[in-house]
Amino acid sequence: MTTQKRQRGRPRSQFRESSAGTLQSLDRALGLLVAVSRSERATLTDLSLSMGVPTATTHRILTTLQKHGFVTFDEDRQDWIIGIEAYRIGMSFMNRTNLTEVSRPVMRSLMEKTGETANLAIPDGGEVVFVGQVETLNPIRAFFARGTRTSMHASGTGKAILAALPEDRMRKILMASGLTAFTDNTLVTPAEFFADLEKTRARGWSYDREERYLGMSCIGSVIYDEHQEPCGGVSISGPSTRFDDLRVPELGATVAEAAAEITFLIGGRAPAGLLTREAGE
């Protein structure tokens, strides 16, 4: 009679580990969950093909996700959709992603990179409201108290937001608020203002050169929410003497990067067309 030698150490895991040190089954499950959420509705065959996973394996994973409420099978349409539990987890994330809190470290970094005051603003009708600021250490600097309002058409963040809106919504806002002149540099005719918005769309950032206050310039870029809609803007502002023509494009790119980072951190998404354009630059 022979006795089997007992193996020492931990028992072998039921999950197969990949070379990268991750659990293959968990990788596949999370990948399928993401695929269902992005497609909104998907058949078993489509999911299997898109993931490169056998149909039988895909079905087992989906059934497990269904058991825990992460996906649901629509019997009438014979396809898979996202479940309530995925929504609950998403809401947990949204509850902790406060725009002003998430933006602050990004704004501090933006201030350090550019040497200018960084601002955060949200839209309200034909105006933007400043809800956050990180001041530069330069003795001459811009300052906007929290709650300060300014007209969209004469603001870096405001113009960035307007440029990101559908044309009908943008025109509706401008018709209600008008193009009031604050300085000799304010864009007060529709033709010149719309041309300026086109430049903003093309490069991804706006430029306010003394359009609201003489001697002060501002560069802004839009922040998008999870619906791919503009929910705010980040900007830098300071004396126009520090915004020379050679430096402005570099500053604009830095501001646009900060806006994209905030968008990502709050779970937002830039429109597909914008992503395609940026990828091709």
C-alpha atoms as a PDB file:
ATOM      1  CA  MET A   1       0.000   0.000   0.000  1.00  0.00           C
ATOM      2  CA  THR A   2       1.404   3.338  -0.979  1.00  0.00           C
ATOM      3  CA  THR A   3       0.620   6.627   0.609  1.00  0.00           C
ATOM      4  CA  GLN A   4       0.519   9.902  -1.369  1.00  0.00           C
ATOM      5  CA  LYS A   5       2.982  12.448  -0.132  1.00  0.00           C
ATOM      6  CA  ARG A   6       1.228  15.580   1.114  1.00  0.00           C
ATOM      7  CA  GLN A   7       2.321  18.720  -0.676  1.00  0.00           C
ATOM      8  CA  ARG A   8       3.497  21.580   1.442  1.00  0.00           C
ATOM      9  CA  GLY A   9       2.677  25.236   0.966  1.00  0.00           C
ATOM     10  CA  ARG A  10      -0.413  26.967  -0.354  1.00  0.00           C
ATOM     11  CA  PRO A  11      -2.818  25.008  -2.580  1.00  0.00           C
ATOM     12  CA  ARG A  12      -2.789  25.869  -6.242  1.00  0.00           C
ATOM     13  CA  SER A  13      -5.182  28.694  -7.099  1.00  0.00           C
ATOM     14  CA  GLN A  14      -8.251  27.839  -9.126  1.00  0.00           C
ATOM     15  CA  PHE A  15      -7.497  30.911 -11.239  1.00  0.00           C
ATOM     16  CA  ARG A  16      -4.911  30.746 -13.963  1.00  0.00           C
ATOM     17  CA  GLU A  17      -2.378  33.540 -13.751  1.00  0.00           C
ATOM     18  CA  SER A  18      -1.037  35.262 -16.817  1.00  0.00           C
ATOM     19  CA  SER A  19       2.581  36.156 -17.398  1.00  0.00           C
ATOM     20  CA  ALA A  20       1.816  39.693 -16.289  1.00  0.00           C
ATOM     21  CA  GLY A  21       0.806  38.468 -12.842  1.00  0.00           C
ATOM     22  CA  THR A  22      -2.924  39.085 -13.327  1.00  0.00           C
ATOM     23  CA  LEU A  23      -5.804  36.622 -13.120  1.00  0.00           C
ATOM     24  CA  GLN A  24      -6.856  35.726 -16.645  1.00  0.00           C
ATOM     25  CA  SER A  25     -10.447  34.981 -15.681  1.00  0.00           C
ATOM     26  CA  LEU A  26     -10.749  38.315 -13.881  1.00  0.00           C
ATOM     27  CA  ASP A  27      -9.146  40.117 -16.823  1.00  0.00           C
ATOM     28  CA  ARG A  28     -11.708  38.570 -19.130  1.00  0.00           C
ATOM     29  CA  ALA A  29     -14.631  39.351 -16.833  1.00  0.00           C
ATOM     30  CA  LEU A  30     -13.646  42.996 -16.431  1.00  0.00           C
ATOM     31  CA  GLY A  31     -12.970  43.264 -20.150  1.00  0.00           C
ATOM     32  CA  LEU A  32     -16.439  41.944 -20.939  1.00  0.00           C
ATOM     33  CA  LEU A  33     -17.999  44.310 -18.428  1.00  0.00           C
ATOM     34  CA  VAL A  34     -16.292  47.266 -20.096  1.00  0.00           C
ATOM     35  CA  ALA A  35     -17.294  45.993 -23.555  1.00  0.00           C
ATOM     36  CA  VAL A  36     -20.967  45.736 -22.539  1.00  0.00           C
ATOM     37  CA  SER A  37     -20.928  49.222 -20.984  1.00  0.00           C
ATOM     38  CA  ARG A  38     -19.382  50.816 -24.072  1.00  0.00           C
ATOM     39  CA  SER A  39     -21.688  49.141 -26.575  1.00  0.00           C
ATOM     40  CA  GLU A  40     -24.779  49.597 -24.351  1.00  0.00           C
ATOM     41  CA  ARG A  41     -26.228  46.431 -25.943  1.00  0.00           C
ATOM     42  CA  ALA A  42     -24.311  43.466 -27.328  1.00  0.00           C
ATOM     43  CA  THR A  43     -25.016  39.892 -28.365  1.00  0.00           C
ATOM     44  CA  LEU A  44     -23.046  36.936 -27.065  1.00  0.00           C
ATOM     45  CA  THR A  45     -21.470  36.414 -30.481  1.00  0.00           C
ATOM     46  CA  ASP A  46     -20.396  40.044 -30.801  1.00  0.00           C
ATOM     47  CA  LEU A  47     -18.834  40.035 -27.333  1.00  0.00           C
ATOM     48  CA  SER A  48     -17.049  36.759 -27.983  1.00  0.00           C
ATOM     49  CA  LEU A  49     -15.576  38.035 -31.241  1.00  0.00           C
ATOM     50  CA  SER A  50     -14.600  41.444 -29.870  1.00  0.00           C
ATOM     51  CA  MET A  51     -12.829  39.911 -26.869  1.00  0.00           C
ATOM     52  CA  GLY A  52     -11.281  36.980 -28.712  1.00  0.00           C
ATOM     53  CA  VAL A  53     -12.734  34.602 -26.116  1.00  0.00           C
ATOM     54  CA  PRO A  54     -14.580  31.343 -26.976  1.00  0.00           C
ATOM     55  CA  THR A  55     -18.367  31.648 -26.954  1.00  0.00           C
ATOM     56  CA  ALA A  56     -18.826  29.074 -24.189  1.00  0.00           C
ATOM     57  CA  THR A  57     -16.306  30.871 -21.941  1.00  0.00           C
ATOM     58  CA  THR A  58     -17.863  34.242 -22.696  1.00  0.00           C
ATOM     59  CA  HIS A  59     -21.283  32.905 -21.746  1.00  0.00           C
ATOM     60  CA  ARG A  60     -20.000  31.514 -18.431  1.00  0.00           C
ATOM     61  CA  ILE A  61     -18.412  34.847 -17.544  1.00  0.00           C
ATOM     62  CA  LEU A  62     -21.545  36.788 -18.471  1.00  0.00           C
ATOM     63  CA  THR A  63     -23.706  34.401 -16.427  1.00  0.00           C
ATOM     64  CA  THR A  64     -21.449  34.955 -13.418  1.00  0.00           C
ATOM     65  CA  LEU A  65     -21.612  38.728 -13.872  1.00  0.00           C
ATOM     66  CA  GLN A  66     -25.389  38.434 -14.197  1.00  0.00           C
ATOM     67  CA  LYS A  67     -25.565  36.491 -10.913  1.00  0.00           C
ATOM     68  CA  HIS A  68     -23.971  39.466  -9.148  1.00  0.00           C
ATOM     69  CA  GLY A  69     -26.072  42.079 -10.943  1.00  0.00           C
ATOM     70  CA  PHE A  70     -23.350  43.585 -13.117  1.00  0.00           C
ATOM     71  CA  VAL A  71     -25.012  42.649 -16.421  1.00  0.00           C
ATOM     72  CA  THR A  72     -28.523  41.658 -17.458  1.00  0.00           C
ATOM     73  CA  PHE A  73     -29.784  39.506 -20.334  1.00  0.00           C
ATOM     74  CA  ASP A  74     -32.668  40.933 -22.344  1.00  0.00           C
ATOM     75  CA  GLU A  75     -34.821  37.910 -23.241  1.00  0.00           C
ATOM     76  CA  ASP A  76     -36.829  39.809 -25.850  1.00  0.00           C
ATOM     77  CA  ARG A  77     -33.856  41.167 -27.784  1.00  0.00           C
ATOM     78  CA  GLN A  78     -31.465  38.363 -26.916  1.00  0.00           C
ATOM     79  CA  ASP A  79     -28.607  40.639 -25.970  1.00  0.00           C
ATOM     80  CA  TRP A  80     -26.682  41.748 -22.897  1.00  0.00           C
ATOM     81  CA  ILE A  81     -26.904  45.133 -21.157  1.00  0.00           C
ATOM     82  CA  ILE A  82     -25.262  46.700 -18.127  1.00  0.00           C
ATOM     83  CA  GLY A  83     -26.789  45.822 -14.732  1.00  0.00           C
ATOM     84  CA  ILE A  84     -27.813  47.790 -11.662  1.00  0.00           C
ATOM     85  CA  GLU A  85     -24.783  46.781  -9.601  1.00  0.00           C
ATOM     86  CA  ALA A  86     -22.425  48.374 -12.119  1.00  0.00           C
ATOM     87  CA  TYR A  87     -24.499  51.559 -11.815  1.00  0.00           C
ATOM     88  CA  ARG A  88     -24.221  51.478  -8.014  1.00  0.00           C
ATOM     89  CA  ILE A  89     -20.448  51.183  -8.175  1.00  0.00           C
ATOM     90  CA  GLY A  90     -20.316  53.981 -10.705  1.00  0.00           C
ATOM     91  CA  MET A  91     -22.391  56.191  -8.412  1.00  0.00           C
ATOM     92  CA  SER A  92     -19.996  55.449  -5.561  1.00  0.00           C
ATOM     93  CA  PHE A  93     -17.187  56.778  -7.744  1.00  0.00           C
ATOM     94  CA  MET A  94     -19.204  59.838  -8.758  1.00  0.00           C
ATOM     95  CA  ASN A  95     -19.993  60.642  -5.130  1.00  0.00           C
ATOM     96  CA  ARG A  96     -16.305  61.008  -4.345  1.00  0.00           C
ATOM     97  CA  THR A  97     -15.301  62.895  -7.490  1.00  0.00           C
ATOM     98  CA  ASN A  98     -16.098  66.463  -6.579  1.00  0.00           C
ATOM     99  CA  LEU A  99     -14.965  68.726  -9.421  1.00  0.00           C
ATOM    100  CA  THR A 100     -13.301  71.341  -7.218  1.00  0.00           C
ATOM    101  CA  GLU A 101     -11.513  68.768  -5.060  1.00  0.00           C
ATOM    102  CA  VAL A 102     -10.315  66.668  -7.981  1.00  0.00           C
ATOM    103  CA  SER A 103      -9.176  69.741  -9.923  1.00  0.00           C
ATOM    104  CA  ARG A 104      -7.077  71.341  -7.206  1.00  0.00           C
ATOM    105  CA  PRO A 105      -3.874  69.261  -7.530  1.00  0.00           C
ATOM    106  CA  VAL A 106      -4.082  69.559 -11.320  1.00  0.00           C
ATOM    107  CA  MET A 107      -4.497  73.329 -11.019  1.00  0.00           C
ATOM    108  CA  ARG A 108      -1.535  73.549  -8.642  1.00  0.00           C
ATOM    109  CA  SER A 109       0.583  71.686 -11.157  1.00  0.00           C
ATOM    110  CA  LEU A 110      -0.694  73.973 -13.926  1.00  0.00           C
ATOM    111  CA  MET A 111       0.260  77.048 -11.886  1.00  0.00           C
ATOM    112  CA  GLU A 112       3.752  75.639 -11.251  1.00  0.00           C
ATOM    113  CA  LYS A 113       4.300  74.774 -14.925  1.00  0.00           C
ATOM    114  CA  THR A 114       3.129  78.122 -16.292  1.00  0.00           C
ATOM    115  CA  GLY A 115       3.909  80.509 -13.448  1.00  0.00           C
ATOM    116  CA  GLU A 116       0.402  81.969 -13.763  1.00  0.00           C
ATOM    117  CA  THR A 117      -2.705  81.820 -11.589  1.00  0.00           C
ATOM    118  CA  ALA A 118      -4.875  78.793 -12.380  1.00  0.00           C
ATOM    119  CA  ASN A 119      -8.666  79.147 -12.304  1.00  0.00           C
ATOM    120  CA  LEU A 120     -11.628  76.768 -12.328  1.00  0.00           C
ATOM    121  CA  ALA A 121     -15.044  77.947 -13.519  1.00  0.00           C
ATOM    122  CA  ILE A 122     -18.447  76.444 -14.286  1.00  0.00           C
ATOM    123  CA  PRO A 123     -21.129  77.738 -16.665  1.00  0.00           C
ATOM    124  CA  ASP A 124     -24.320  79.417 -15.481  1.00  0.00           C
ATOM    125  CA  GLY A 125     -26.471  80.818 -18.260  1.00  0.00           C
ATOM    126  CA  GLY A 126     -24.466  83.364 -20.217  1.00  0.00           C
ATOM    127  CA  GLU A 127     -21.815  83.618 -17.500  1.00  0.00           C
ATOM    128  CA  VAL A 128     -19.117  81.518 -15.880  1.00  0.00           C
ATOM    129  CA  VAL A 129     -18.731  81.344 -12.114  1.00  0.00           C
ATOM    130  CA  PHE A 130     -15.264  80.942 -10.622  1.00  0.00           C
ATOM    131  CA  VAL A 131     -15.290  78.096  -8.097  1.00  0.00           C
ATOM    132  CA  GLY A 132     -11.578  77.536  -7.529  1.00  0.00           C
ATOM    133  CA  GLN A 133      -8.200  79.192  -7.882  1.00  0.00           C
ATOM    134  CA  VAL A 134      -4.535  78.495  -7.204  1.00  0.00           C
ATOM    135  CA  GLU A 135      -2.604  81.758  -7.130  1.00  0.00           C
ATOM    136  CA  THR A 136       0.857  82.183  -8.575  1.00  0.00           C
ATOM    137  CA  LEU A 137       3.703  83.338  -6.344  1.00  0.00           C
ATOM    138  CA  ASN A 138       4.450  86.211  -8.733  1.00  0.00           C
ATOM    139  CA  PRO A 139       3.870  89.562  -7.005  1.00  0.00           C
ATOM    140  CA  ILE A 140       1.770  90.789  -9.935  1.00  0.00           C
ATOM    141  CA  ARG A 141      -1.028  88.296 -10.485  1.00  0.00           C
ATOM    142  CA  ALA A 142      -4.694  87.834 -11.273  1.00  0.00           C
ATOM    143  CA  PHE A 143      -7.240  87.178  -8.547  1.00  0.00           C
ATOM    144  CA  PHE A 144     -10.891  86.114  -8.776  1.00  0.00           C
ATOM    145  CA  ALA A 145     -12.754  85.489  -5.529  1.00  0.00           C
ATOM    146  CA  ARG A 146     -14.785  82.296  -5.398  1.00  0.00           C
ATOM    147  CA  GLY A 147     -18.261  83.076  -6.714  1.00  0.00           C
ATOM    148  CA  THR A 148     -17.076  85.834  -9.063  1.00  0.00           C
ATOM    149  CA  ARG A 149     -19.050  85.926 -12.306  1.00  0.00           C
ATOM    150  CA  THR A 150     -18.043  87.108 -15.731  1.00  0.00           C
ATOM    151  CA  SER A 151     -19.624  87.039 -19.172  1.00  0.00           C
ATOM    152  CA  MET A 152     -18.837  83.940 -21.221  1.00  0.00           C
ATOM    153  CA  HIS A 153     -17.941  85.806 -24.392  1.00  0.00           C
ATOM    154  CA  ALA A 154     -15.208  87.798 -22.617  1.00  0.00           C
ATOM    155  CA  SER A 155     -13.658  84.980 -20.611  1.00  0.00           C
ATOM    156  CA  GLY A 156     -11.067  82.330 -21.386  1.00  0.00           C
ATOM    157  CA  THR A 157     -13.075  79.541 -19.769  1.00  0.00           C
ATOM    158  CA  GLY A 158     -16.313  80.963 -21.127  1.00  0.00           C
ATOM    159  CA  LYS A 159     -15.107  80.988 -24.723  1.00  0.00           C
ATOM    160  CA  ALA A 160     -13.717  77.468 -24.340  1.00  0.00           C
ATOM    161  CA  ILE A 161     -17.113  76.244 -23.107  1.00  0.00           C
ATOM    162  CA  LEU A 162     -19.025  78.065 -25.850  1.00  0.00           C
ATOM    163  CA  ALA A 163     -16.751  76.568 -28.510  1.00  0.00           C
ATOM    164  CA  ALA A 164     -17.542  73.077 -27.189  1.00  0.00           C
ATOM    165  CA  LEU A 165     -21.325  73.495 -27.238  1.00  0.00           C
ATOM    166  CA  PRO A 166     -23.576  72.516 -30.163  1.00  0.00           C
ATOM    167  CA  GLU A 167     -24.076  75.550 -32.368  1.00  0.00           C
ATOM    168  CA  ASP A 168     -27.777  75.953 -31.552  1.00  0.00           C
ATOM    169  CA  ARG A 169     -27.106  76.035 -27.794  1.00  0.00           C
ATOM    170  CA  MET A 170     -24.166  78.377 -28.233  1.00  0.00           C
ATOM    171  CA  ARG A 171     -26.211  80.809 -30.326  1.00  0.00           C
ATOM    172  CA  LYS A 172     -29.101  80.674 -27.858  1.00  0.00           C
ATOM    173  CA  ILE A 173     -26.800  81.683 -25.008  1.00  0.00           C
ATOM    174  CA  LEU A 174     -25.273  84.526 -26.994  1.00  0.00           C
ATOM    175  CA  MET A 175     -28.664  85.833 -28.149  1.00  0.00           C
ATOM    176  CA  ALA A 176     -29.834  85.963 -24.528  1.00  0.00           C
ATOM    177  CA  SER A 177     -26.685  87.552 -23.109  1.00  0.00           C
ATOM    178  CA  GLY A 178     -25.430  89.643 -26.019  1.00  0.00           C
ATOM    179  CA  LEU A 179     -21.863  90.634 -26.852  1.00  0.00           C
ATOM    180  CA  THR A 180     -21.255  93.461 -24.412  1.00  0.00           C
ATOM    181  CA  ALA A 181     -18.078  95.488 -24.892  1.00  0.00           C
ATOM    182  CA  PHE A 182     -15.881  95.654 -21.780  1.00  0.00           C
ATOM    183  CA  THR A 183     -12.698  96.889 -23.457  1.00  0.00           C
ATOM    184  CA  ASP A 184     -11.653  97.910 -26.953  1.00  0.00           C
ATOM    185  CA  ASN A 185     -10.493  94.291 -27.440  1.00  0.00           C
ATOM    186  CA  THR A 186     -13.836  92.631 -26.652  1.00  0.00           C
ATOM    187  CA  LEU A 187     -15.212  90.698 -29.628  1.00  0.00           C
ATOM    188  CA  VAL A 188     -18.583  92.349 -30.161  1.00  0.00           C
ATOM    189  CA  THR A 189     -19.641  91.310 -33.677  1.00  0.00           C
ATOM    190  CA  PRO A 190     -20.939  87.792 -34.433  1.00  0.00           C
ATOM    191  CA  ALA A 191     -18.553  87.340 -37.360  1.00  0.00           C
ATOM    192  CA  GLU A 192     -15.369  88.000 -35.385  1.00  0.00           C
ATOM    193  CA  PHE A 193     -16.615  86.110 -32.348  1.00  0.00           C
ATOM    194  CA  PHE A 194     -17.570  82.987 -34.324  1.00  0.00           C
ATOM    195  CA  ALA A 195     -14.208  83.115 -36.113  1.00  0.00           C
ATOM    196  CA  ASP A 196     -12.517  83.175 -32.717  1.00  0.00           C
ATOM    197  CA  LEU A 197     -14.533  80.140 -31.576  1.00  0.00           C
ATOM    198  CA  GLU A 198     -13.404  78.260 -34.685  1.00  0.00           C
ATOM    199  CA  LYS A 199      -9.779  78.895 -33.715  1.00  0.00           C
ATOM    200  CA  THR A 200     -10.533  77.630 -30.204  1.00  0.00           C
ATOM    201  CA  ARG A 201     -12.059  74.401 -31.543  1.00  0.00           C
ATOM    202  CA  ALA A 202      -9.147  73.804 -33.891  1.00  0.00           C
ATOM    203  CA  ARG A 203      -6.377  74.167 -31.294  1.00  0.00           C
ATOM    204  CA  GLY A 204      -8.203  72.998 -28.147  1.00  0.00           C
ATOM    205  CA  TRP A 205      -7.826  76.193 -26.073  1.00  0.00           C
ATOM    206  CA  SER A 206      -9.172  79.738 -26.042  1.00  0.00           C
ATOM    207  CA  TYR A 207      -7.309  83.022 -25.777  1.00  0.00           C
ATOM    208  CA  ASP A 208      -8.702  86.126 -24.091  1.00  0.00           C
ATOM    209  CA  ARG A 209      -6.300  89.001 -24.663  1.00  0.00           C
ATOM    210  CA  GLU A 210      -7.586  91.932 -22.610  1.00  0.00           C
ATOM    211  CA  GLU A 211     -11.168  91.265 -23.699  1.00  0.00           C
ATOM    212  CA  ARG A 212     -12.528  91.644 -20.157  1.00  0.00           C
ATOM    213  CA  TYR A 213      -9.853  93.617 -18.309  1.00  0.00           C
ATOM    214  CA  LEU A 214      -7.178  95.848 -19.790  1.00  0.00           C
ATOM    215  CA  GLY A 215      -3.697  94.585 -19.073  1.00  0.00           C
ATOM    216  CA  MET A 216      -4.867  91.033 -18.296  1.00  0.00           C
ATOM    217  CA  SER A 217      -4.876  87.959 -20.539  1.00  0.00           C
ATOM    218  CA  CYS A 218      -6.311  84.482 -20.070  1.00  0.00           C
ATOM    219  CA  ILE A 219      -6.046  81.062 -21.746  1.00  0.00           C
ATOM    220  CA  GLY A 220      -8.742  78.448 -21.107  1.00  0.00           C
ATOM    221  CA  SER A 221      -9.777  74.927 -22.041  1.00  0.00           C
ATOM    222  CA  VAL A 222     -12.976  72.977 -21.518  1.00  0.00           C
ATOM    223  CA  ILE A 223     -13.696  70.141 -19.060  1.00  0.00           C
ATOM    224  CA  TYR A 224     -16.170  67.433 -20.165  1.00  0.00           C
ATOM    225  CA  ASP A 225     -18.522  65.315 -18.055  1.00  0.00           C
ATOM    226  CA  GLU A 226     -19.483  61.659 -18.495  1.00  0.00           C
ATOM    227  CA  HIS A 227     -22.039  62.657 -21.159  1.00  0.00           C
ATOM    228  CA  GLN A 228     -19.313  64.280 -23.295  1.00  0.00           C
ATOM    229  CA  GLU A 229     -20.769  67.697 -22.529  1.00  0.00           C
ATOM    230  CA  PRO A 230     -18.825  70.721 -21.246  1.00  0.00           C
ATOM    231  CA  CYS A 231     -19.278  71.074 -17.482  1.00  0.00           C
ATOM    232  CA  GLY A 232     -16.590  73.638 -16.725  1.00  0.00           C
ATOM    233  CA  GLY A 233     -13.271  75.060 -17.740  1.00  0.00           C
ATOM    234  CA  VAL A 234      -9.763  75.537 -16.415  1.00  0.00           C
ATOM    235  CA  SER A 235      -7.627  78.552 -17.264  1.00  0.00           C
ATOM    236  CA  ILE A 236      -4.555  80.563 -16.447  1.00  0.00           C
ATOM    237  CA  SER A 237      -4.609  84.337 -16.169  1.00  0.00           C
ATOM    238  CA  GLY A 238      -2.102  87.085 -15.570  1.00  0.00           C
ATOM    239  CA  PRO A 239      -0.572  90.298 -16.891  1.00  0.00           C
ATOM    240  CA  SER A 240      -0.568  90.489 -20.687  1.00  0.00           C
ATOM    241  CA  THR A 241       3.152  91.305 -20.615  1.00  0.00           C
ATOM    242  CA  ARG A 242       3.805  87.665 -19.668  1.00  0.00           C
ATOM    243  CA  PHE A 243       1.615  86.335 -22.525  1.00  0.00           C
ATOM    244  CA  ASP A 244       3.879  87.084 -25.469  1.00  0.00           C
ATOM    245  CA  ASP A 245       3.111  85.638 -28.899  1.00  0.00           C
ATOM    246  CA  LEU A 246       5.895  83.060 -28.777  1.00  0.00           C
ATOM    247  CA  ARG A 247       4.828  81.732 -25.372  1.00  0.00           C
ATOM    248  CA  VAL A 248       1.062  81.593 -25.892  1.00  0.00           C
ATOM    249  CA  PRO A 249       0.912  78.339 -27.954  1.00  0.00           C
ATOM    250  CA  GLU A 250       2.974  76.505 -25.327  1.00  0.00           C
ATOM    251  CA  LEU A 251       0.786  77.847 -22.530  1.00  0.00           C
ATOM    252  CA  GLY A 252      -2.338  76.863 -24.460  1.00  0.00           C
ATOM    253  CA  ALA A 253      -1.149  73.285 -24.873  1.00  0.00           C
ATOM    254  CA  THR A 254      -0.365  73.061 -21.153  1.00  0.00           C
ATOM    255  CA  VAL A 255      -3.827  74.341 -20.207  1.00  0.00           C
ATOM    256  CA  ALA A 256      -5.469  71.885 -22.624  1.00  0.00           C
ATOM    257  CA  GLU A 257      -3.522  69.019 -21.019  1.00  0.00           C
ATOM    258  CA  ALA A 258      -4.745  70.084 -17.576  1.00  0.00           C
ATOM    259  CA  ALA A 259      -8.363  70.201 -18.781  1.00  0.00           C
ATOM    260  CA  ALA A 260      -8.017  66.716 -20.310  1.00  0.00           C
ATOM    261  CA  GLU A 261      -6.575  65.383 -17.043  1.00  0.00           C
ATOM    262  CA  ILE A 262      -9.449  66.811 -14.988  1.00  0.00           C
ATOM    263  CA  THR A 263     -11.930  65.387 -17.497  1.00  0.00           C
ATOM    264  CA  PHE A 264     -10.382  61.945 -17.009  1.00  0.00           C
ATOM    265  CA  LEU A 265     -10.287  62.208 -13.208  1.00  0.00           C
ATOM    266  CA  ILE A 266     -14.001  63.042 -12.906  1.00  0.00           C
ATOM    267  CA  GLY A 267     -14.970  60.204 -15.232  1.00  0.00           C
ATOM    268  CA  GLY A 268     -15.677  62.502 -18.161  1.00  0.00           C
ATOM    269  CA  ARG A 269     -15.120  61.890 -21.862  1.00  0.00           C
ATOM    270  CA  ALA A 270     -14.226  64.237 -24.664  1.00  0.00           C
ATOM    271  CA  PRO A 271     -16.349  63.892 -27.832  1.00  0.00           C
ATOM    272  CA  ALA A 272     -15.128  61.253 -30.286  1.00  0.00           C
ATOM    273  CA  GLY A 273     -14.414  63.810 -32.993  1.00  0.00           C
ATOM    274  CA  LEU A 274     -12.156  65.751 -30.652  1.00  0.00           C
ATOM    275  CA  LEU A 275     -10.293  62.595 -29.665  1.00  0.00           C
ATOM    276  CA  THR A 276      -9.756  61.677 -33.303  1.00  0.00           C
ATOM    277  CA  ARG A 277      -8.481  65.143 -34.145  1.00  0.00           C
ATOM    278  CA  GLU A 278      -6.043  65.233 -31.216  1.00  0.00           C
ATOM    279  CA  ALA A 279      -4.753  61.747 -32.023  1.00  0.00           C
ATOM    280  CA  GLY A 280      -3.948  62.840 -35.543  1.00  0.00           C
ATOM    281  CA  GLU A 281      -2.017  65.945 -34.528  1.00  0.00           C
END
